[in-house]
Amino acid sequence: MIPPRWAAHHRRADHELLGYLRPVDAIPGYFIPVTVFGYPLGAPAEERQARQCLERSGLAYLAQDWLLSLPDHPRPVAVQIVEATPRHLRVKNIDYGYPDANIGHVFVVDVPTTGQLRPR
């Protein structure tokens, strides 16, 4: 679940949640812009720049392919996002080389993702 101290950032036009500003403890006043599931979209920056990063990214990251690391598989599995909420992330298998689950199998990942997911 997204920690309550992370500040939600909503698009002005339609109030859609674009992501969060994750505070940088070591640098007061700096934030890391992250997706709705906690993946970093940029480097630590002042609040205005972090918000601009989220605005530029929009929700395009939801449409891209991702790689999911699984504890029982030596290589990451190619997946697509099915649903992203502040509580969980659902991704479907699109990796024909992963023998342990059919294409379309849905994995549920805890949010924020901690090194388990990265862009393909």
PDB file of N, CA and C in Angstrom:
ATOM      1  N   MET A   1       0.848  -1.176   0.000  1.00  0.00           N
ATOM      2  CA  MET A   1       0.000   0.000   0.000  1.00  0.00           C
ATOM      3  C   MET A   1       0.895   1.241   0.000  1.00  0.00           C
ATOM      4  N   ILE A   2       0.482   2.233  -0.752  1.00  0.00           N
ATOM      5  CA  ILE A   2       1.236   3.481  -0.818  1.00  0.00           C
ATOM      6  C   ILE A   2       1.236   4.131   0.571  1.00  0.00           C
ATOM      7  N   PRO A   3       2.419   4.493   1.077  1.00  0.00           N
ATOM      8  CA  PRO A   3       2.480   5.125   2.398  1.00  0.00           C
ATOM      9  C   PRO A   3       1.721   6.454   2.428  1.00  0.00           C
ATOM     10  N   PRO A   4       1.059   6.749   3.531  1.00  0.00           N
ATOM     11  CA  PRO A   4       0.268   7.987   3.620  1.00  0.00           C
ATOM     12  C   PRO A   4       1.108   9.264   3.525  1.00  0.00           C
ATOM     13  N   ARG A   5       2.402   9.189   3.785  1.00  0.00           N
ATOM     14  CA  ARG A   5       3.232  10.393   3.711  1.00  0.00           C
ATOM     15  C   ARG A   5       3.620  10.758   2.280  1.00  0.00           C
ATOM     16  N   TRP A   6       3.347   9.877   1.312  1.00  0.00           N
ATOM     17  CA  TRP A   6       3.586  10.196  -0.089  1.00  0.00           C
ATOM     18  C   TRP A   6       2.426  11.082  -0.557  1.00  0.00           C
ATOM     19  N   ALA A   7       2.736  12.191  -1.198  1.00  0.00           N
ATOM     20  CA  ALA A   7       1.708  13.139  -1.645  1.00  0.00           C
ATOM     21  C   ALA A   7       1.170  12.748  -3.021  1.00  0.00           C
ATOM     22  N   ALA A   8      -0.133  12.550  -3.096  1.00  0.00           N
ATOM     23  CA  ALA A   8      -0.770  12.225  -4.380  1.00  0.00           C
ATOM     24  C   ALA A   8      -0.725  13.434  -5.304  1.00  0.00           C
ATOM     25  N   HIS A   9      -0.509  13.172  -6.599  1.00  0.00           N
ATOM     26  CA  HIS A   9      -0.537  14.252  -7.590  1.00  0.00           C
ATOM     27  C   HIS A   9      -1.620  13.924  -8.617  1.00  0.00           C
ATOM     28  N   HIS A  10      -2.584  14.822  -8.726  1.00  0.00           N
ATOM     29  CA  HIS A  10      -3.701  14.648  -9.653  1.00  0.00           C
ATOM     30  C   HIS A  10      -3.591  15.647 -10.805  1.00  0.00           C
ATOM     31  N   ARG A  11      -3.957  15.191 -11.999  1.00  0.00           N
ATOM     32  CA  ARG A  11      -3.991  16.072 -13.161  1.00  0.00           C
ATOM     33  C   ARG A  11      -5.105  17.095 -12.961  1.00  0.00           C
ATOM     34  N   ARG A  12      -4.823  18.365 -13.232  1.00  0.00           N
ATOM     35  CA  ARG A  12      -5.813  19.425 -13.014  1.00  0.00           C
ATOM     36  C   ARG A  12      -7.068  19.259 -13.868  1.00  0.00           C
ATOM     37  N   ALA A  13      -6.891  18.896 -15.121  1.00  0.00           N
ATOM     38  CA  ALA A  13      -8.009  18.855 -16.070  1.00  0.00           C
ATOM     39  C   ALA A  13      -9.123  17.898 -15.655  1.00  0.00           C
ATOM     40  N   ASP A  14      -8.757  16.716 -15.153  1.00  0.00           N
ATOM     41  CA  ASP A  14      -9.785  15.720 -14.840  1.00  0.00           C
ATOM     42  C   ASP A  14      -9.614  15.069 -13.457  1.00  0.00           C
ATOM     43  N   HIS A  15      -8.680  15.559 -12.692  1.00  0.00           N
ATOM     44  CA  HIS A  15      -8.400  15.084 -11.334  1.00  0.00           C
ATOM     45  C   HIS A  15      -7.966  13.611 -11.307  1.00  0.00           C
ATOM     46  N   GLU A  16      -7.436  13.127 -12.424  1.00  0.00           N
ATOM     47  CA  GLU A  16      -6.930  11.754 -12.497  1.00  0.00           C
ATOM     48  C   GLU A  16      -5.618  11.649 -11.715  1.00  0.00           C
ATOM     49  N   LEU A  17      -5.477  10.596 -10.928  1.00  0.00           N
ATOM     50  CA  LEU A  17      -4.247  10.361 -10.176  1.00  0.00           C
ATOM     51  C   LEU A  17      -3.142   9.966 -11.144  1.00  0.00           C
ATOM     52  N   LEU A  18      -2.061  10.760 -11.190  1.00  0.00           N
ATOM     53  CA  LEU A  18      -0.931  10.477 -12.082  1.00  0.00           C
ATOM     54  C   LEU A  18       0.200   9.756 -11.359  1.00  0.00           C
ATOM     55  N   GLY A  19       0.290   9.932 -10.071  1.00  0.00           N
ATOM     56  CA  GLY A  19       1.366   9.316  -9.308  1.00  0.00           C
ATOM     57  C   GLY A  19       1.506  10.006  -7.969  1.00  0.00           C
ATOM     58  N   TYR A  20       2.695   9.850  -7.391  1.00  0.00           N
ATOM     59  CA  TYR A  20       2.944  10.381  -6.049  1.00  0.00           C
ATOM     60  C   TYR A  20       4.291  11.082  -5.993  1.00  0.00           C
ATOM     61  N   LEU A  21       4.411  11.948  -5.001  1.00  0.00           N
ATOM     62  CA  LEU A  21       5.692  12.561  -4.669  1.00  0.00           C
ATOM     63  C   LEU A  21       6.195  11.858  -3.414  1.00  0.00           C
ATOM     64  N   ARG A  22       7.262  11.091  -3.580  1.00  0.00           N
ATOM     65  CA  ARG A  22       7.853  10.358  -2.458  1.00  0.00           C
ATOM     66  C   ARG A  22       8.929  11.231  -1.818  1.00  0.00           C
ATOM     67  N   PRO A  23       8.776  11.616  -0.560  1.00  0.00           N
ATOM     68  CA  PRO A  23       9.772  12.483   0.077  1.00  0.00           C
ATOM     69  C   PRO A  23      11.149  11.826   0.133  1.00  0.00           C
ATOM     70  N   VAL A  24      12.176  12.637  -0.044  1.00  0.00           N
ATOM     71  CA  VAL A  24      13.555  12.173   0.104  1.00  0.00           C
ATOM     72  C   VAL A  24      13.982  12.551   1.523  1.00  0.00           C
ATOM     73  N   ASP A  25      14.096  11.568   2.382  1.00  0.00           N
ATOM     74  CA  ASP A  25      14.391  11.835   3.795  1.00  0.00           C
ATOM     75  C   ASP A  25      15.704  12.591   3.990  1.00  0.00           C
ATOM     76  N   ALA A  26      16.705  12.261   3.186  1.00  0.00           N
ATOM     77  CA  ALA A  26      18.028  12.872   3.356  1.00  0.00           C
ATOM     78  C   ALA A  26      18.094  14.313   2.851  1.00  0.00           C
ATOM     79  N   ILE A  27      17.114  14.716   2.027  1.00  0.00           N
ATOM     80  CA  ILE A  27      17.127  16.066   1.456  1.00  0.00           C
ATOM     81  C   ILE A  27      15.743  16.692   1.643  1.00  0.00           C
ATOM     82  N   PRO A  28      15.534  17.419   2.729  1.00  0.00           N
ATOM     83  CA  PRO A  28      14.223  18.042   2.961  1.00  0.00           C
ATOM     84  C   PRO A  28      13.805  18.940   1.791  1.00  0.00           C
ATOM     85  N   GLY A  29      12.530  18.855   1.419  1.00  0.00           N
ATOM     86  CA  GLY A  29      12.013  19.661   0.314  1.00  0.00           C
ATOM     87  C   GLY A  29      12.206  19.023  -1.047  1.00  0.00           C
ATOM     88  N   TYR A  30      12.811  17.835  -1.100  1.00  0.00           N
ATOM     89  CA  TYR A  30      13.007  17.118  -2.359  1.00  0.00           C
ATOM     90  C   TYR A  30      12.122  15.881  -2.388  1.00  0.00           C
ATOM     91  N   PHE A  31      11.700  15.534  -3.593  1.00  0.00           N
ATOM     92  CA  PHE A  31      10.778  14.423  -3.791  1.00  0.00           C
ATOM     93  C   PHE A  31      11.195  13.616  -5.011  1.00  0.00           C
ATOM     94  N   ILE A  32      10.835  12.355  -5.004  1.00  0.00           N
ATOM     95  CA  ILE A  32      11.009  11.501  -6.178  1.00  0.00           C
ATOM     96  C   ILE A  32       9.622  11.282  -6.763  1.00  0.00           C
ATOM     97  N   PRO A  33       9.409  11.642  -8.049  1.00  0.00           N
ATOM     98  CA  PRO A  33       8.107  11.367  -8.666  1.00  0.00           C
ATOM     99  C   PRO A  33       7.995   9.870  -8.964  1.00  0.00           C
ATOM    100  N   VAL A  34       6.896   9.268  -8.513  1.00  0.00           N
ATOM    101  CA  VAL A  34       6.704   7.832  -8.713  1.00  0.00           C
ATOM    102  C   VAL A  34       5.333   7.563  -9.332  1.00  0.00           C
ATOM    103  N   THR A  35       5.214   6.413  -9.960  1.00  0.00           N
ATOM    104  CA  THR A  35       3.952   5.991 -10.580  1.00  0.00           C
ATOM    105  C   THR A  35       2.904   5.710  -9.506  1.00  0.00           C
ATOM    106  N   VAL A  36       1.705   5.385  -9.928  1.00  0.00           N
ATOM    107  CA  VAL A  36       0.650   5.040  -8.972  1.00  0.00           C
ATOM    108  C   VAL A  36       0.973   3.755  -8.213  1.00  0.00           C
ATOM    109  N   PHE A  37       1.943   2.980  -8.720  1.00  0.00           N
ATOM    110  CA  PHE A  37       2.355   1.766  -8.012  1.00  0.00           C
ATOM    111  C   PHE A  37       3.753   1.895  -7.402  1.00  0.00           C
ATOM    112  N   GLY A  38       4.307   3.125  -7.395  1.00  0.00           N
ATOM    113  CA  GLY A  38       5.533   3.387  -6.665  1.00  0.00           C
ATOM    114  C   GLY A  38       6.834   3.273  -7.418  1.00  0.00           C
ATOM    115  N   TYR A  39       6.798   3.077  -8.740  1.00  0.00           N
ATOM    116  CA  TYR A  39       8.040   2.986  -9.514  1.00  0.00           C
ATOM    117  C   TYR A  39       8.565   4.402  -9.792  1.00  0.00           C
ATOM    118  N   PRO A  40       9.855   4.657  -9.530  1.00  0.00           N
ATOM    119  CA  PRO A  40      10.405   6.005  -9.742  1.00  0.00           C
ATOM    120  C   PRO A  40      10.397   6.417 -11.224  1.00  0.00           C
ATOM    121  N   LEU A  41       9.944   7.644 -11.485  1.00  0.00           N
ATOM    122  CA  LEU A  41       9.914   8.186 -12.842  1.00  0.00           C
ATOM    123  C   LEU A  41      11.011   9.219 -13.080  1.00  0.00           C
ATOM    124  N   GLY A  42      11.687   9.621 -12.031  1.00  0.00           N
ATOM    125  CA  GLY A  42      12.728  10.630 -12.174  1.00  0.00           C
ATOM    126  C   GLY A  42      13.608  10.670 -10.948  1.00  0.00           C
ATOM    127  N   ALA A  43      14.599  11.536 -11.029  1.00  0.00           N
ATOM    128  CA  ALA A  43      15.550  11.721  -9.933  1.00  0.00           C
ATOM    129  C   ALA A  43      14.938  12.627  -8.864  1.00  0.00           C
ATOM    130  N   PRO A  44      15.521  12.637  -7.680  1.00  0.00           N
ATOM    131  CA  PRO A  44      15.046  13.570  -6.655  1.00  0.00           C
ATOM    132  C   PRO A  44      15.086  15.003  -7.165  1.00  0.00           C
ATOM    133  N   ALA A  45      14.027  15.751  -6.857  1.00  0.00           N
ATOM    134  CA  ALA A  45      13.915  17.130  -7.327  1.00  0.00           C
ATOM    135  C   ALA A  45      13.051  17.911  -6.344  1.00  0.00           C
ATOM    136  N   GLU A  46      13.097  19.227  -6.491  1.00  0.00           N
ATOM    137  CA  GLU A  46      12.196  20.060  -5.699  1.00  0.00           C
ATOM    138  C   GLU A  46      10.773  19.760  -6.136  1.00  0.00           C
ATOM    139  N   GLU A  47       9.820  20.112  -5.285  1.00  0.00           N
ATOM    140  CA  GLU A  47       8.432  19.730  -5.509  1.00  0.00           C
ATOM    141  C   GLU A  47       7.914  20.113  -6.895  1.00  0.00           C
ATOM    142  N   ARG A  48       8.166  21.338  -7.326  1.00  0.00           N
ATOM    143  CA  ARG A  48       7.645  21.796  -8.617  1.00  0.00           C
ATOM    144  C   ARG A  48       8.159  20.930  -9.771  1.00  0.00           C
ATOM    145  N   GLN A  49       9.469  20.647  -9.768  1.00  0.00           N
ATOM    146  CA  GLN A  49      10.044  19.820 -10.836  1.00  0.00           C
ATOM    147  C   GLN A  49       9.520  18.382 -10.778  1.00  0.00           C
ATOM    148  N   ALA A  50       9.331  17.864  -9.568  1.00  0.00           N
ATOM    149  CA  ALA A  50       8.803  16.503  -9.432  1.00  0.00           C
ATOM    150  C   ALA A  50       7.370  16.430  -9.971  1.00  0.00           C
ATOM    151  N   ARG A  51       6.569  17.450  -9.689  1.00  0.00           N
ATOM    152  CA  ARG A  51       5.195  17.495 -10.213  1.00  0.00           C
ATOM    153  C   ARG A  51       5.205  17.611 -11.739  1.00  0.00           C
ATOM    154  N   GLN A  52       6.131  18.404 -12.285  1.00  0.00           N
ATOM    155  CA  GLN A  52       6.238  18.547 -13.741  1.00  0.00           C
ATOM    156  C   GLN A  52       6.595  17.215 -14.396  1.00  0.00           C
ATOM    157  N   CYS A  53       7.433  16.447 -13.743  1.00  0.00           N
ATOM    158  CA  CYS A  53       7.785  15.128 -14.264  1.00  0.00           C
ATOM    159  C   CYS A  53       6.544  14.243 -14.362  1.00  0.00           C
ATOM    160  N   LEU A  54       5.715  14.259 -13.318  1.00  0.00           N
ATOM    161  CA  LEU A  54       4.476  13.471 -13.342  1.00  0.00           C
ATOM    162  C   LEU A  54       3.532  13.955 -14.435  1.00  0.00           C
ATOM    163  N   GLU A  55       3.443  15.268 -14.621  1.00  0.00           N
ATOM    164  CA  GLU A  55       2.586  15.824 -15.675  1.00  0.00           C
ATOM    165  C   GLU A  55       3.074  15.388 -17.057  1.00  0.00           C
ATOM    166  N   ARG A  56       4.390  15.447 -17.269  1.00  0.00           N
ATOM    167  CA  ARG A  56       4.955  15.050 -18.571  1.00  0.00           C
ATOM    168  C   ARG A  56       4.715  13.568 -18.844  1.00  0.00           C
ATOM    169  N   SER A  57       4.878  12.749 -17.828  1.00  0.00           N
ATOM    170  CA  SER A  57       4.714  11.301 -17.994  1.00  0.00           C
ATOM    171  C   SER A  57       3.257  10.917 -18.184  1.00  0.00           C
ATOM    172  N   GLY A  58       2.372  11.640 -17.492  1.00  0.00           N
ATOM    173  CA  GLY A  58       0.959  11.288 -17.558  1.00  0.00           C
ATOM    174  C   GLY A  58       0.764   9.852 -17.101  1.00  0.00           C
ATOM    175  N   LEU A  59      -0.090   9.130 -17.794  1.00  0.00           N
ATOM    176  CA  LEU A  59      -0.340   7.724 -17.475  1.00  0.00           C
ATOM    177  C   LEU A  59       0.196   6.794 -18.559  1.00  0.00           C
ATOM    178  N   ALA A  60       1.073   7.316 -19.422  1.00  0.00           N
ATOM    179  CA  ALA A  60       1.625   6.516 -20.521  1.00  0.00           C
ATOM    180  C   ALA A  60       2.323   5.259 -20.019  1.00  0.00           C
ATOM    181  N   TYR A  61       2.895   5.314 -18.826  1.00  0.00           N
ATOM    182  CA  TYR A  61       3.601   4.152 -18.284  1.00  0.00           C
ATOM    183  C   TYR A  61       2.674   2.953 -18.097  1.00  0.00           C
ATOM    184  N   LEU A  62       1.377   3.184 -17.990  1.00  0.00           N
ATOM    185  CA  LEU A  62       0.439   2.070 -17.836  1.00  0.00           C
ATOM    186  C   LEU A  62       0.309   1.240 -19.112  1.00  0.00           C
ATOM    187  N   ALA A  63       0.616   1.844 -20.259  1.00  0.00           N
ATOM    188  CA  ALA A  63       0.455   1.163 -21.539  1.00  0.00           C
ATOM    189  C   ALA A  63       1.718   0.431 -21.999  1.00  0.00           C
ATOM    190  N   GLN A  64       2.840   0.666 -21.352  1.00  0.00           N
ATOM    191  CA  GLN A  64       4.077   0.035 -21.799  1.00  0.00           C
ATOM    192  C   GLN A  64       4.235  -1.355 -21.209  1.00  0.00           C
ATOM    193  N   ASP A  65       5.126  -2.128 -21.784  1.00  0.00           N
ATOM    194  CA  ASP A  65       5.444  -3.452 -21.269  1.00  0.00           C
ATOM    195  C   ASP A  65       6.457  -3.314 -20.134  1.00  0.00           C
ATOM    196  N   TRP A  66       6.375  -4.236 -19.180  1.00  0.00           N
ATOM    197  CA  TRP A  66       7.236  -4.228 -18.010  1.00  0.00           C
ATOM    198  C   TRP A  66       7.872  -5.598 -17.826  1.00  0.00           C
ATOM    199  N   LEU A  67       8.902  -5.667 -17.008  1.00  0.00           N
ATOM    200  CA  LEU A  67       9.535  -6.930 -16.639  1.00  0.00           C
ATOM    201  C   LEU A  67       9.319  -7.157 -15.151  1.00  0.00           C
ATOM    202  N   LEU A  68       8.789  -8.317 -14.822  1.00  0.00           N
ATOM    203  CA  LEU A  68       8.480  -8.683 -13.448  1.00  0.00           C
ATOM    204  C   LEU A  68       9.462  -9.750 -12.972  1.00  0.00           C
ATOM    205  N   SER A  69      10.183  -9.465 -11.896  1.00  0.00           N
ATOM    206  CA  SER A  69      11.089 -10.449 -11.300  1.00  0.00           C
ATOM    207  C   SER A  69      10.300 -11.329 -10.347  1.00  0.00           C
ATOM    208  N   LEU A  70      10.479 -12.632 -10.510  1.00  0.00           N
ATOM    209  CA  LEU A  70       9.807 -13.604  -9.656  1.00  0.00           C
ATOM    210  C   LEU A  70      10.855 -14.419  -8.922  1.00  0.00           C
ATOM    211  N   PRO A  71      10.610 -14.756  -7.660  1.00  0.00           N
ATOM    212  CA  PRO A  71      11.630 -15.463  -6.872  1.00  0.00           C
ATOM    213  C   PRO A  71      11.995 -16.840  -7.429  1.00  0.00           C
ATOM    214  N   ASP A  72      11.076 -17.506  -8.122  1.00  0.00           N
ATOM    215  CA  ASP A  72      11.332 -18.861  -8.601  1.00  0.00           C
ATOM    216  C   ASP A  72      11.768 -18.925 -10.061  1.00  0.00           C
ATOM    217  N   HIS A  73      12.085 -17.775 -10.658  1.00  0.00           N
ATOM    218  CA  HIS A  73      12.444 -17.742 -12.079  1.00  0.00           C
ATOM    219  C   HIS A  73      13.711 -16.906 -12.252  1.00  0.00           C
ATOM    220  N   PRO A  74      14.723 -17.447 -12.961  1.00  0.00           N
ATOM    221  CA  PRO A  74      16.004 -16.734 -13.075  1.00  0.00           C
ATOM    222  C   PRO A  74      15.951 -15.446 -13.903  1.00  0.00           C
ATOM    223  N   ARG A  75      15.034 -15.362 -14.855  1.00  0.00           N
ATOM    224  CA  ARG A  75      14.925 -14.163 -15.697  1.00  0.00           C
ATOM    225  C   ARG A  75      13.594 -13.474 -15.453  1.00  0.00           C
ATOM    226  N   PRO A  76      13.562 -12.149 -15.587  1.00  0.00           N
ATOM    227  CA  PRO A  76      12.288 -11.436 -15.438  1.00  0.00           C
ATOM    228  C   PRO A  76      11.292 -11.873 -16.516  1.00  0.00           C
ATOM    229  N   VAL A  77      10.018 -11.787 -16.182  1.00  0.00           N
ATOM    230  CA  VAL A  77       8.919 -12.177 -17.061  1.00  0.00           C
ATOM    231  C   VAL A  77       8.294 -10.913 -17.659  1.00  0.00           C
ATOM    232  N   ALA A  78       8.073 -10.921 -18.968  1.00  0.00           N
ATOM    233  CA  ALA A  78       7.430  -9.783 -19.638  1.00  0.00           C
ATOM    234  C   ALA A  78       5.949  -9.755 -19.270  1.00  0.00           C
ATOM    235  N   VAL A  79       5.479  -8.568 -18.849  1.00  0.00           N
ATOM    236  CA  VAL A  79       4.089  -8.415 -18.423  1.00  0.00           C
ATOM    237  C   VAL A  79       3.522  -7.085 -18.917  1.00  0.00           C
ATOM    238  N   GLN A  80       2.198  -7.002 -18.892  1.00  0.00           N
ATOM    239  CA  GLN A  80       1.480  -5.753 -19.151  1.00  0.00           C
ATOM    240  C   GLN A  80       0.593  -5.469 -17.952  1.00  0.00           C
ATOM    241  N   ILE A  81       0.420  -4.192 -17.668  1.00  0.00           N
ATOM    242  CA  ILE A  81      -0.403  -3.795 -16.528  1.00  0.00           C
ATOM    243  C   ILE A  81      -1.880  -3.955 -16.876  1.00  0.00           C
ATOM    244  N   VAL A  82      -2.605  -4.578 -15.976  1.00  0.00           N
ATOM    245  CA  VAL A  82      -4.046  -4.769 -16.115  1.00  0.00           C
ATOM    246  C   VAL A  82      -4.782  -3.771 -15.224  1.00  0.00           C
ATOM    247  N   GLU A  83      -4.269  -3.590 -13.989  1.00  0.00           N
ATOM    248  CA  GLU A  83      -4.896  -2.689 -13.024  1.00  0.00           C
ATOM    249  C   GLU A  83      -3.823  -2.176 -12.066  1.00  0.00           C
ATOM    250  N   ALA A  84      -3.863  -0.887 -11.799  1.00  0.00           N
ATOM    251  CA  ALA A  84      -2.929  -0.288 -10.846  1.00  0.00           C
ATOM    252  C   ALA A  84      -3.720   0.543  -9.848  1.00  0.00           C
ATOM    253  N   THR A  85      -3.586   0.207  -8.576  1.00  0.00           N
ATOM    254  CA  THR A  85      -4.243   0.949  -7.505  1.00  0.00           C
ATOM    255  C   THR A  85      -3.201   1.240  -6.427  1.00  0.00           C
ATOM    256  N   PRO A  86      -3.504   2.104  -5.475  1.00  0.00           N
ATOM    257  CA  PRO A  86      -2.563   2.347  -4.377  1.00  0.00           C
ATOM    258  C   PRO A  86      -2.353   1.127  -3.469  1.00  0.00           C
ATOM    259  N   ARG A  87      -3.153   0.085  -3.638  1.00  0.00           N
ATOM    260  CA  ARG A  87      -3.048  -1.113  -2.793  1.00  0.00           C
ATOM    261  C   ARG A  87      -2.357  -2.287  -3.490  1.00  0.00           C
ATOM    262  N   HIS A  88      -2.604  -2.448  -4.794  1.00  0.00           N
ATOM    263  CA  HIS A  88      -2.006  -3.565  -5.507  1.00  0.00           C
ATOM    264  C   HIS A  88      -1.880  -3.254  -7.000  1.00  0.00           C
ATOM    265  N   LEU A  89      -1.080  -4.077  -7.636  1.00  0.00           N
ATOM    266  CA  LEU A  89      -0.864  -3.974  -9.074  1.00  0.00           C
ATOM    267  C   LEU A  89      -1.153  -5.344  -9.661  1.00  0.00           C
ATOM    268  N   ARG A  90      -1.972  -5.369 -10.696  1.00  0.00           N
ATOM    269  CA  ARG A  90      -2.261  -6.617 -11.395  1.00  0.00           C
ATOM    270  C   ARG A  90      -1.627  -6.525 -12.772  1.00  0.00           C
ATOM    271  N   VAL A  91      -0.798  -7.525 -13.107  1.00  0.00           N
ATOM    272  CA  VAL A  91      -0.129  -7.566 -14.408  1.00  0.00           C
ATOM    273  C   VAL A  91      -0.373  -8.928 -15.039  1.00  0.00           C
ATOM    274  N   LYS A  92      -0.437  -8.942 -16.377  1.00  0.00           N
ATOM    275  CA  LYS A  92      -0.661 -10.226 -17.052  1.00  0.00           C
ATOM    276  C   LYS A  92       0.595 -10.660 -17.797  1.00  0.00           C
ATOM    277  N   ASN A  93       0.793 -11.967 -17.812  1.00  0.00           N
ATOM    278  CA  ASN A  93       1.937 -12.562 -18.487  1.00  0.00           C
ATOM    279  C   ASN A  93       1.804 -12.403 -20.006  1.00  0.00           C
ATOM    280  N   ILE A  94       2.844 -11.859 -20.643  1.00  0.00           N
ATOM    281  CA  ILE A  94       2.896 -11.786 -22.114  1.00  0.00           C
ATOM    282  C   ILE A  94       4.178 -12.443 -22.619  1.00  0.00           C
ATOM    283  N   ASP A  95       4.808 -13.241 -21.766  1.00  0.00           N
ATOM    284  CA  ASP A  95       6.113 -13.834 -22.032  1.00  0.00           C
ATOM    285  C   ASP A  95       5.951 -15.296 -22.460  1.00  0.00           C
ATOM    286  N   TYR A  96       6.155 -15.559 -23.759  1.00  0.00           N
ATOM    287  CA  TYR A  96       6.031 -16.928 -24.259  1.00  0.00           C
ATOM    288  C   TYR A  96       7.153 -17.829 -23.745  1.00  0.00           C
ATOM    289  N   GLY A  97       8.219 -17.241 -23.219  1.00  0.00           N
ATOM    290  CA  GLY A  97       9.329 -18.014 -22.692  1.00  0.00           C
ATOM    291  C   GLY A  97       9.186 -18.382 -21.229  1.00  0.00           C
ATOM    292  N   TYR A  98       8.077 -18.005 -20.606  1.00  0.00           N
ATOM    293  CA  TYR A  98       7.857 -18.336 -19.188  1.00  0.00           C
ATOM    294  C   TYR A  98       6.946 -19.554 -19.118  1.00  0.00           C
ATOM    295  N   PRO A  99       7.501 -20.723 -18.784  1.00  0.00           N
ATOM    296  CA  PRO A  99       6.724 -21.963 -18.847  1.00  0.00           C
ATOM    297  C   PRO A  99       5.780 -22.200 -17.668  1.00  0.00           C
ATOM    298  N   ASP A 100       5.911 -21.429 -16.585  1.00  0.00           N
ATOM    299  CA  ASP A 100       5.132 -21.719 -15.385  1.00  0.00           C
ATOM    300  C   ASP A 100       3.745 -21.087 -15.336  1.00  0.00           C
ATOM    301  N   ALA A 101       3.405 -20.271 -16.346  1.00  0.00           N
ATOM    302  CA  ALA A 101       2.066 -19.659 -16.373  1.00  0.00           C
ATOM    303  C   ALA A 101       1.664 -19.410 -17.818  1.00  0.00           C
ATOM    304  N   ASN A 102       0.412 -19.617 -18.103  1.00  0.00           N
ATOM    305  CA  ASN A 102      -0.112 -19.377 -19.449  1.00  0.00           C
ATOM    306  C   ASN A 102      -0.062 -17.894 -19.792  1.00  0.00           C
ATOM    307  N   ILE A 103      -0.046 -17.620 -21.094  1.00  0.00           N
ATOM    308  CA  ILE A 103      -0.160 -16.236 -21.558  1.00  0.00           C
ATOM    309  C   ILE A 103      -1.487 -15.698 -21.033  1.00  0.00           C
ATOM    310  N   GLY A 104      -1.445 -14.506 -20.472  1.00  0.00           N
ATOM    311  CA  GLY A 104      -2.642 -13.907 -19.907  1.00  0.00           C
ATOM    312  C   GLY A 104      -2.811 -14.162 -18.412  1.00  0.00           C
ATOM    313  N   HIS A 105      -1.998 -15.058 -17.851  1.00  0.00           N
ATOM    314  CA  HIS A 105      -2.067 -15.303 -16.404  1.00  0.00           C
ATOM    315  C   HIS A 105      -1.820 -13.992 -15.664  1.00  0.00           C
ATOM    316  N   VAL A 106      -2.618 -13.721 -14.646  1.00  0.00           N
ATOM    317  CA  VAL A 106      -2.507 -12.461 -13.900  1.00  0.00           C
ATOM    318  C   VAL A 106      -1.744 -12.681 -12.593  1.00  0.00           C
ATOM    319  N   PHE A 107      -0.714 -11.862 -12.415  1.00  0.00           N
ATOM    320  CA  PHE A 107       0.048 -11.825 -11.168  1.00  0.00           C
ATOM    321  C   PHE A 107      -0.413 -10.613 -10.383  1.00  0.00           C
ATOM    322  N   VAL A 108      -0.546 -10.754  -9.076  1.00  0.00           N
ATOM    323  CA  VAL A 108      -0.885  -9.628  -8.204  1.00  0.00           C
ATOM    324  C   VAL A 108       0.380  -9.272  -7.423  1.00  0.00           C
ATOM    325  N   VAL A 109       0.768  -7.991  -7.514  1.00  0.00           N
ATOM    326  CA  VAL A 109       2.007  -7.515  -6.906  1.00  0.00           C
ATOM    327  C   VAL A 109       1.654  -6.469  -5.854  1.00  0.00           C
ATOM    328  N   ASP A 110       2.307  -6.562  -4.706  1.00  0.00           N
ATOM    329  CA  ASP A 110       2.101  -5.559  -3.663  1.00  0.00           C
ATOM    330  C   ASP A 110       2.649  -4.208  -4.106  1.00  0.00           C
ATOM    331  N   VAL A 111       2.005  -3.158  -3.641  1.00  0.00           N
ATOM    332  CA  VAL A 111       2.398  -1.779  -3.942  1.00  0.00           C
ATOM    333  C   VAL A 111       2.871  -1.147  -2.645  1.00  0.00           C
ATOM    334  N   PRO A 112       3.935  -0.362  -2.631  1.00  0.00           N
ATOM    335  CA  PRO A 112       4.750  -0.030  -3.795  1.00  0.00           C
ATOM    336  C   PRO A 112       5.646  -1.201  -4.198  1.00  0.00           C
ATOM    337  N   THR A 113       5.892  -1.305  -5.487  1.00  0.00           N
ATOM    338  CA  THR A 113       6.774  -2.339  -5.988  1.00  0.00           C
ATOM    339  C   THR A 113       8.186  -1.997  -5.533  1.00  0.00           C
ATOM    340  N   THR A 114       8.909  -2.958  -5.051  1.00  0.00           N
ATOM    341  CA  THR A 114      10.249  -2.689  -4.525  1.00  0.00           C
ATOM    342  C   THR A 114      11.266  -3.507  -5.310  1.00  0.00           C
ATOM    343  N   GLY A 115      11.646  -2.997  -6.470  1.00  0.00           N
ATOM    344  CA  GLY A 115      12.633  -3.674  -7.292  1.00  0.00           C
ATOM    345  C   GLY A 115      12.109  -4.872  -8.045  1.00  0.00           C
ATOM    346  N   GLN A 116      10.839  -5.152  -7.923  1.00  0.00           N
ATOM    347  CA  GLN A 116      10.246  -6.320  -8.562  1.00  0.00           C
ATOM    348  C   GLN A 116       9.812  -6.045 -10.003  1.00  0.00           C
ATOM    349  N   LEU A 117       9.664  -4.760 -10.346  1.00  0.00           N
ATOM    350  CA  LEU A 117       9.138  -4.388 -11.656  1.00  0.00           C
ATOM    351  C   LEU A 117      10.016  -3.301 -12.262  1.00  0.00           C
ATOM    352  N   ARG A 118      10.271  -3.432 -13.570  1.00  0.00           N
ATOM    353  CA  ARG A 118      11.006  -2.380 -14.281  1.00  0.00           C
ATOM    354  C   ARG A 118      10.527  -2.341 -15.724  1.00  0.00           C
ATOM    355  N   PRO A 119      10.718  -1.196 -16.399  1.00  0.00           N
ATOM    356  CA  PRO A 119      10.285  -1.102 -17.795  1.00  0.00           C
ATOM    357  C   PRO A 119      11.024  -2.094 -18.672  1.00  0.00           C
ATOM    358  N   ARG A 120      10.365  -2.583 -19.675  1.00  0.00           N
ATOM    359  CA  ARG A 120      10.960  -3.538 -20.602  1.00  0.00           C
ATOM    360  C   ARG A 120      11.817  -2.827 -21.614  1.00  0.00           C
TER     361      ARG A 120
END
